[in-house]
C-alpha cells in the first residue's frame, strides 16, 4: 500500500500535521520535492537543482513554484558595457 496522495505523488509521511484551524499547508524537504519536480513545477531535475542551490529547509509546493519562477527570470550576470 502506498503513502502517496492523489496530487502529484506527495508523500504523506513527510507532511506536517494539520493545525487545529485546518488551514496549514504541508511542507516538504527539497529532496522530496525534487522527486516530482517535472510533475509539480514543469522543470527537469537539472533546472530544479540550479534553482534550489544553497537553499535549506522545507517548503510548500506553492513556495517552491514561486521560487523557481523567480529564479528562471533572474539575470545571470549584467551585460558588460564596452569600454573604448
C-alpha atoms as a PDB file:
ATOM      1  CA  UNK A   1       0.000   0.000   0.000  1.00  0.00           C
ATOM      2  CA  UNK A   2       1.356   3.448  -0.951  1.00  0.00           C
ATOM      3  CA  UNK A   3       1.604   6.574   1.196  1.00  0.00           C
ATOM      4  CA  UNK A   4       1.073   8.831  -1.821  1.00  0.00           C
ATOM      5  CA  UNK A   5      -1.788  11.250  -2.154  1.00  0.00           C
ATOM      6  CA  UNK A   6      -3.626  11.915  -5.385  1.00  0.00           C
ATOM      7  CA  UNK A   7      -1.808  15.215  -6.000  1.00  0.00           C
ATOM      8  CA  UNK A   8       1.474  14.724  -7.831  1.00  0.00           C
ATOM      9  CA  UNK A   9       2.607  11.861  -5.625  1.00  0.00           C
ATOM     10  CA  UNK A  10       3.275  13.845  -2.466  1.00  0.00           C
ATOM     11  CA  UNK A  11       4.391  11.531   0.331  1.00  0.00           C
ATOM     12  CA  UNK A  12       2.176  11.948   3.395  1.00  0.00           C
ATOM     13  CA  UNK A  13       4.880  10.659   5.740  1.00  0.00           C
ATOM     14  CA  UNK A  14       6.842  13.930   5.380  1.00  0.00           C
ATOM     15  CA  UNK A  15       3.827  16.216   5.791  1.00  0.00           C
ATOM     16  CA  UNK A  16       3.435  18.427   8.810  1.00  0.00           C
ATOM     17  CA  UNK A  17       0.368  17.637  10.934  1.00  0.00           C
ATOM     18  CA  UNK A  18      -2.576  19.935  10.265  1.00  0.00           C
ATOM     19  CA  UNK A  19      -3.143  22.673  12.805  1.00  0.00           C
ATOM     20  CA  UNK A  20      -6.354  22.962  14.778  1.00  0.00           C
ATOM     21  CA  UNK A  21      -7.529  25.652  12.329  1.00  0.00           C
ATOM     22  CA  UNK A  22      -7.172  23.141   9.474  1.00  0.00           C
ATOM     23  CA  UNK A  23      -5.548  25.556   7.019  1.00  0.00           C
ATOM     24  CA  UNK A  24      -1.872  24.653   7.368  1.00  0.00           C
ATOM     25  CA  UNK A  25      -0.294  23.622   4.060  1.00  0.00           C
ATOM     26  CA  UNK A  26       2.122  20.676   4.166  1.00  0.00           C
ATOM     27  CA  UNK A  27       5.828  21.398   3.689  1.00  0.00           C
ATOM     28  CA  UNK A  28       8.307  19.050   2.064  1.00  0.00           C
ATOM     29  CA  UNK A  29      12.072  18.741   2.007  1.00  0.00           C
ATOM     30  CA  UNK A  30      13.963  19.958  -1.042  1.00  0.00           C
ATOM     31  CA  UNK A  31      14.928  16.363  -1.818  1.00  0.00           C
ATOM     32  CA  UNK A  32      11.307  15.179  -1.654  1.00  0.00           C
ATOM     33  CA  UNK A  33      10.092  17.927  -3.978  1.00  0.00           C
ATOM     34  CA  UNK A  34      12.889  17.035  -6.427  1.00  0.00           C
ATOM     35  CA  UNK A  35      11.471  13.533  -6.851  1.00  0.00           C
ATOM     36  CA  UNK A  36       8.433  15.002  -8.634  1.00  0.00           C
ATOM     37  CA  UNK A  37       9.864  18.273  -9.967  1.00  0.00           C
ATOM     38  CA  UNK A  38       8.689  17.653 -13.544  1.00  0.00           C
ATOM     39  CA  UNK A  39       5.100  16.979 -12.495  1.00  0.00           C
ATOM     40  CA  UNK A  40       4.954  19.662  -9.788  1.00  0.00           C
ATOM     41  CA  UNK A  41       6.895  22.511 -11.396  1.00  0.00           C
ATOM     42  CA  UNK A  42       7.296  21.575 -15.055  1.00  0.00           C
ATOM     43  CA  UNK A  43      11.098  21.641 -14.834  1.00  0.00           C
ATOM     44  CA  UNK A  44      13.774  18.997 -15.237  1.00  0.00           C
ATOM     45  CA  UNK A  45      15.825  17.822 -12.284  1.00  0.00           C
ATOM     46  CA  UNK A  46      18.854  19.808 -13.503  1.00  0.00           C
ATOM     47  CA  UNK A  47      16.814  23.030 -13.641  1.00  0.00           C
ATOM     48  CA  UNK A  48      15.394  22.251 -10.205  1.00  0.00           C
ATOM     49  CA  UNK A  49      18.894  21.650  -8.831  1.00  0.00           C
ATOM     50  CA  UNK A  50      20.051  25.028 -10.115  1.00  0.00           C
ATOM     51  CA  UNK A  51      17.054  26.808  -8.640  1.00  0.00           C
ATOM     52  CA  UNK A  52      17.456  25.273  -5.183  1.00  0.00           C
ATOM     53  CA  UNK A  53      21.243  25.553  -4.976  1.00  0.00           C
ATOM     54  CA  UNK A  54      22.145  26.723  -1.439  1.00  0.00           C
ATOM     55  CA  UNK A  55      18.520  26.512  -0.225  1.00  0.00           C
ATOM     56  CA  UNK A  56      17.819  24.720   3.044  1.00  0.00           C
ATOM     57  CA  UNK A  57      14.681  23.786   4.905  1.00  0.00           C
ATOM     58  CA  UNK A  58      11.203  22.716   3.932  1.00  0.00           C
ATOM     59  CA  UNK A  59       8.820  24.406   1.516  1.00  0.00           C
ATOM     60  CA  UNK A  60       5.245  24.150   0.357  1.00  0.00           C
ATOM     61  CA  UNK A  61       4.699  23.300  -3.300  1.00  0.00           C
ATOM     62  CA  UNK A  62       3.486  26.860  -3.944  1.00  0.00           C
ATOM     63  CA  UNK A  63       6.527  28.408  -2.220  1.00  0.00           C
ATOM     64  CA  UNK A  64       8.885  26.314  -4.324  1.00  0.00           C
ATOM     65  CA  UNK A  65       6.940  27.006  -7.518  1.00  0.00           C
ATOM     66  CA  UNK A  66       7.241  30.736  -6.836  1.00  0.00           C
ATOM     67  CA  UNK A  67      10.959  30.432  -6.065  1.00  0.00           C
ATOM     68  CA  UNK A  68      11.653  28.501  -9.293  1.00  0.00           C
ATOM     69  CA  UNK A  69       9.752  31.039 -11.427  1.00  0.00           C
ATOM     70  CA  UNK A  70      11.689  33.883  -9.829  1.00  0.00           C
ATOM     71  CA  UNK A  71      14.983  32.019 -10.337  1.00  0.00           C
ATOM     72  CA  UNK A  72      14.178  31.333 -14.004  1.00  0.00           C
ATOM     73  CA  UNK A  73      13.516  35.037 -14.611  1.00  0.00           C
ATOM     74  CA  UNK A  74      16.710  36.237 -12.914  1.00  0.00           C
ATOM     75  CA  UNK A  75      19.573  37.703 -14.915  1.00  0.00           C
ATOM     76  CA  UNK A  76      22.668  35.533 -14.708  1.00  0.00           C
ATOM     77  CA  UNK A  77      25.044  38.471 -14.994  1.00  0.00           C
ATOM     78  CA  UNK A  78      24.530  42.007 -16.219  1.00  0.00           C
ATOM     79  CA  UNK A  79      25.593  42.842 -19.755  1.00  0.00           C
ATOM     80  CA  UNK A  80      29.082  44.317 -19.878  1.00  0.00           C
ATOM     81  CA  UNK A  81      29.479  47.750 -21.357  1.00  0.00           C
ATOM     82  CA  UNK A  82      32.166  48.023 -23.941  1.00  0.00           C
ATOM     83  CA  UNK A  83      34.916  50.366 -22.783  1.00  0.00           C
ATOM     84  CA  UNK A  84      36.691  52.376 -25.513  1.00  0.00           C
END
